[in-house]
């Protein structure tokens, strides 16, 4: 599928990405998220099904598989 960004000649490709969400002051990082990524500009599209699954995981509030350092750029 052609990229939806005006003027970008790229095509979307299926990839697994790292997706970060900030919600109410908390940060959640999801690995291996299926997405469509533009081969030129890097625009990312998530399917509604994928977004619903991420929302479900956030509601479950399970213990994360791993933790990562958080650095503040100041």
N, C-alpha and C. Protein backbone atom coordinates (compact mmCIF):
# COMPACT_ATOMS: atom_id res chain seq x y z
N UNK A 1 0.85 -1.18 0.00
CA UNK A 1 0.00 0.00 0.00
C UNK A 1 0.90 1.25 0.00
N UNK A 2 0.52 2.24 -0.77
CA UNK A 2 1.29 3.48 -0.88
C UNK A 2 1.19 4.27 0.43
N UNK A 3 2.28 4.94 0.78
CA UNK A 3 2.35 5.76 1.99
C UNK A 3 1.28 6.85 1.95
N UNK A 4 0.69 7.13 3.11
CA UNK A 4 -0.38 8.14 3.19
C UNK A 4 0.15 9.55 3.45
N UNK A 5 1.45 9.71 3.61
CA UNK A 5 2.04 11.03 3.83
C UNK A 5 2.18 11.74 2.47
N UNK A 6 1.65 12.97 2.37
CA UNK A 6 1.71 13.72 1.12
C UNK A 6 3.13 13.83 0.60
N UNK A 7 3.31 13.46 -0.66
CA UNK A 7 4.60 13.61 -1.32
C UNK A 7 5.57 12.47 -1.08
N UNK A 8 5.26 11.55 -0.19
CA UNK A 8 6.17 10.43 0.07
C UNK A 8 5.93 9.34 -0.97
N UNK A 9 6.97 8.88 -1.65
CA UNK A 9 6.80 7.85 -2.67
C UNK A 9 6.86 6.42 -2.11
N UNK A 10 7.00 6.29 -0.81
CA UNK A 10 7.20 4.97 -0.20
C UNK A 10 5.98 4.07 -0.20
N UNK A 11 6.24 2.82 0.15
CA UNK A 11 5.21 1.81 0.28
C UNK A 11 5.29 1.25 1.70
N UNK A 12 4.14 0.89 2.26
CA UNK A 12 4.11 0.28 3.59
C UNK A 12 4.54 -1.18 3.50
N UNK A 13 5.33 -1.59 4.49
CA UNK A 13 5.79 -2.97 4.60
C UNK A 13 5.45 -3.49 5.99
N UNK A 14 5.10 -4.77 6.08
CA UNK A 14 4.81 -5.37 7.39
C UNK A 14 6.11 -5.58 8.14
N UNK A 15 6.12 -5.09 9.39
CA UNK A 15 7.30 -5.25 10.25
C UNK A 15 6.85 -5.41 11.69
N UNK A 16 7.76 -5.86 12.52
CA UNK A 16 7.55 -5.89 13.97
C UNK A 16 8.34 -4.73 14.55
N UNK A 17 7.69 -3.91 15.36
CA UNK A 17 8.34 -2.71 15.88
C UNK A 17 8.32 -2.71 17.41
N UNK A 18 9.06 -1.76 17.98
CA UNK A 18 8.97 -1.44 19.40
C UNK A 18 8.06 -0.21 19.49
N UNK A 19 7.00 -0.31 20.28
CA UNK A 19 6.01 0.76 20.38
C UNK A 19 5.98 1.27 21.82
N UNK A 20 6.13 2.57 22.00
CA UNK A 20 6.16 3.18 23.32
C UNK A 20 4.92 4.04 23.53
N UNK A 21 4.34 3.92 24.73
CA UNK A 21 3.14 4.68 25.07
C UNK A 21 3.36 5.37 26.41
N UNK A 22 2.97 6.64 26.50
CA UNK A 22 2.98 7.35 27.77
C UNK A 22 1.52 7.58 28.16
N UNK A 23 1.15 7.08 29.35
CA UNK A 23 -0.23 7.15 29.78
C UNK A 23 -0.27 7.51 31.25
N UNK A 24 -0.86 8.66 31.57
CA UNK A 24 -0.99 9.13 32.95
C UNK A 24 0.36 9.12 33.69
N UNK A 25 1.39 9.58 33.02
CA UNK A 25 2.70 9.68 33.65
C UNK A 25 3.52 8.41 33.63
N UNK A 26 2.93 7.29 33.23
CA UNK A 26 3.65 6.03 33.12
C UNK A 26 4.06 5.79 31.68
N UNK A 27 5.15 5.07 31.50
CA UNK A 27 5.62 4.73 30.15
C UNK A 27 5.59 3.21 30.02
N UNK A 28 5.02 2.74 28.91
CA UNK A 28 4.99 1.31 28.62
C UNK A 28 5.65 1.09 27.26
N UNK A 29 6.48 0.07 27.18
CA UNK A 29 7.17 -0.27 25.94
C UNK A 29 6.73 -1.67 25.52
N UNK A 30 6.25 -1.78 24.30
CA UNK A 30 5.81 -3.06 23.75
C UNK A 30 6.76 -3.48 22.64
N UNK A 31 7.27 -4.69 22.72
CA UNK A 31 8.18 -5.22 21.71
C UNK A 31 7.42 -6.16 20.78
N UNK A 32 7.89 -6.29 19.58
CA UNK A 32 7.33 -7.20 18.57
C UNK A 32 5.88 -6.87 18.21
N UNK A 33 5.58 -5.59 18.06
CA UNK A 33 4.23 -5.14 17.70
C UNK A 33 4.11 -5.16 16.16
N UNK A 34 3.11 -5.87 15.62
CA UNK A 34 2.94 -5.87 14.17
C UNK A 34 2.46 -4.50 13.68
N UNK A 35 3.10 -4.02 12.62
CA UNK A 35 2.77 -2.69 12.09
C UNK A 35 3.08 -2.64 10.60
N UNK A 36 2.54 -1.63 9.96
CA UNK A 36 2.88 -1.30 8.57
C UNK A 36 3.80 -0.08 8.64
N UNK A 37 5.00 -0.18 8.07
CA UNK A 37 6.00 0.88 8.17
C UNK A 37 6.40 1.31 6.76
N UNK A 38 6.38 2.63 6.52
CA UNK A 38 6.77 3.16 5.21
C UNK A 38 8.26 2.93 4.99
N UNK A 39 8.59 2.44 3.81
CA UNK A 39 9.98 2.14 3.47
C UNK A 39 10.83 3.40 3.26
N UNK A 40 10.18 4.56 3.08
CA UNK A 40 10.93 5.80 2.82
C UNK A 40 10.93 6.72 4.05
N UNK A 41 9.74 7.09 4.53
CA UNK A 41 9.67 8.10 5.61
C UNK A 41 9.53 7.49 7.01
N UNK A 42 9.23 6.19 7.09
CA UNK A 42 9.11 5.55 8.39
C UNK A 42 7.76 5.72 9.07
N UNK A 43 6.78 6.29 8.38
CA UNK A 43 5.44 6.43 8.96
C UNK A 43 4.94 5.05 9.39
N UNK A 44 4.24 5.00 10.52
CA UNK A 44 3.79 3.73 11.08
C UNK A 44 2.28 3.70 11.17
N UNK A 45 1.69 2.59 10.73
CA UNK A 45 0.26 2.35 10.87
C UNK A 45 0.05 1.11 11.73
N UNK A 46 -0.83 1.23 12.72
CA UNK A 46 -1.21 0.08 13.55
C UNK A 46 -2.65 -0.29 13.22
N UNK A 47 -2.91 -1.57 13.06
CA UNK A 47 -4.26 -2.04 12.77
C UNK A 47 -5.13 -1.86 14.01
N UNK A 48 -6.43 -1.64 13.84
CA UNK A 48 -7.33 -1.51 14.99
C UNK A 48 -7.23 -2.70 15.94
N UNK A 49 -7.07 -3.89 15.40
CA UNK A 49 -6.93 -5.11 16.20
C UNK A 49 -5.68 -5.02 17.10
N UNK A 50 -4.61 -4.49 16.57
CA UNK A 50 -3.37 -4.34 17.33
C UNK A 50 -3.55 -3.32 18.45
N UNK A 51 -4.21 -2.22 18.15
CA UNK A 51 -4.45 -1.19 19.16
C UNK A 51 -5.33 -1.74 20.29
N UNK A 52 -6.36 -2.50 19.93
CA UNK A 52 -7.21 -3.11 20.96
C UNK A 52 -6.42 -4.05 21.85
N UNK A 53 -5.49 -4.82 21.28
CA UNK A 53 -4.67 -5.74 22.07
C UNK A 53 -3.75 -4.97 23.02
N UNK A 54 -3.15 -3.89 22.57
CA UNK A 54 -2.30 -3.06 23.42
C UNK A 54 -3.13 -2.49 24.57
N UNK A 55 -4.32 -2.00 24.27
CA UNK A 55 -5.20 -1.46 25.32
C UNK A 55 -5.56 -2.54 26.34
N UNK A 56 -5.81 -3.74 25.85
CA UNK A 56 -6.13 -4.87 26.73
C UNK A 56 -4.94 -5.19 27.65
N UNK A 57 -3.75 -5.20 27.10
CA UNK A 57 -2.55 -5.47 27.90
C UNK A 57 -2.34 -4.39 28.97
N UNK A 58 -2.63 -3.14 28.62
CA UNK A 58 -2.49 -2.06 29.59
C UNK A 58 -3.51 -2.20 30.72
N UNK A 59 -4.72 -2.61 30.40
CA UNK A 59 -5.75 -2.80 31.42
C UNK A 59 -5.41 -3.94 32.37
N UNK A 60 -4.77 -5.00 31.86
CA UNK A 60 -4.43 -6.16 32.67
C UNK A 60 -3.38 -5.85 33.73
N UNK A 61 -2.52 -4.86 33.47
CA UNK A 61 -1.48 -4.43 34.40
C UNK A 61 -0.66 -5.60 34.94
N UNK A 62 -0.27 -6.50 34.06
CA UNK A 62 0.59 -7.61 34.44
C UNK A 62 2.00 -7.11 34.72
N UNK A 63 2.78 -7.92 35.39
CA UNK A 63 4.18 -7.59 35.62
C UNK A 63 4.90 -7.61 34.27
N UNK A 64 5.68 -6.56 33.97
CA UNK A 64 6.39 -6.51 32.69
C UNK A 64 7.39 -7.66 32.56
N UNK A 65 7.64 -8.05 31.34
CA UNK A 65 8.61 -9.11 31.05
C UNK A 65 10.03 -8.65 31.39
N UNK A 66 10.27 -7.36 31.25
CA UNK A 66 11.59 -6.78 31.55
C UNK A 66 11.39 -5.31 31.91
N UNK A 67 12.42 -4.71 32.48
CA UNK A 67 12.41 -3.28 32.73
C UNK A 67 13.56 -2.65 31.97
N UNK A 68 13.41 -1.37 31.66
CA UNK A 68 14.45 -0.67 30.92
C UNK A 68 14.79 0.63 31.63
N UNK A 69 16.04 1.11 31.49
CA UNK A 69 16.38 2.39 32.09
C UNK A 69 15.67 3.53 31.37
N UNK A 70 15.31 4.53 32.14
CA UNK A 70 14.65 5.72 31.57
C UNK A 70 15.55 6.91 31.84
N UNK A 71 16.00 7.56 30.79
CA UNK A 71 16.87 8.71 30.90
C UNK A 71 16.09 9.96 30.56
N UNK A 72 16.35 11.03 31.29
CA UNK A 72 15.70 12.31 31.00
C UNK A 72 16.68 13.20 30.25
N UNK A 73 16.26 13.69 29.12
CA UNK A 73 17.06 14.62 28.34
C UNK A 73 16.77 16.02 28.85
N UNK A 74 17.72 16.57 29.57
CA UNK A 74 17.48 17.90 30.16
C UNK A 74 18.63 18.83 29.81
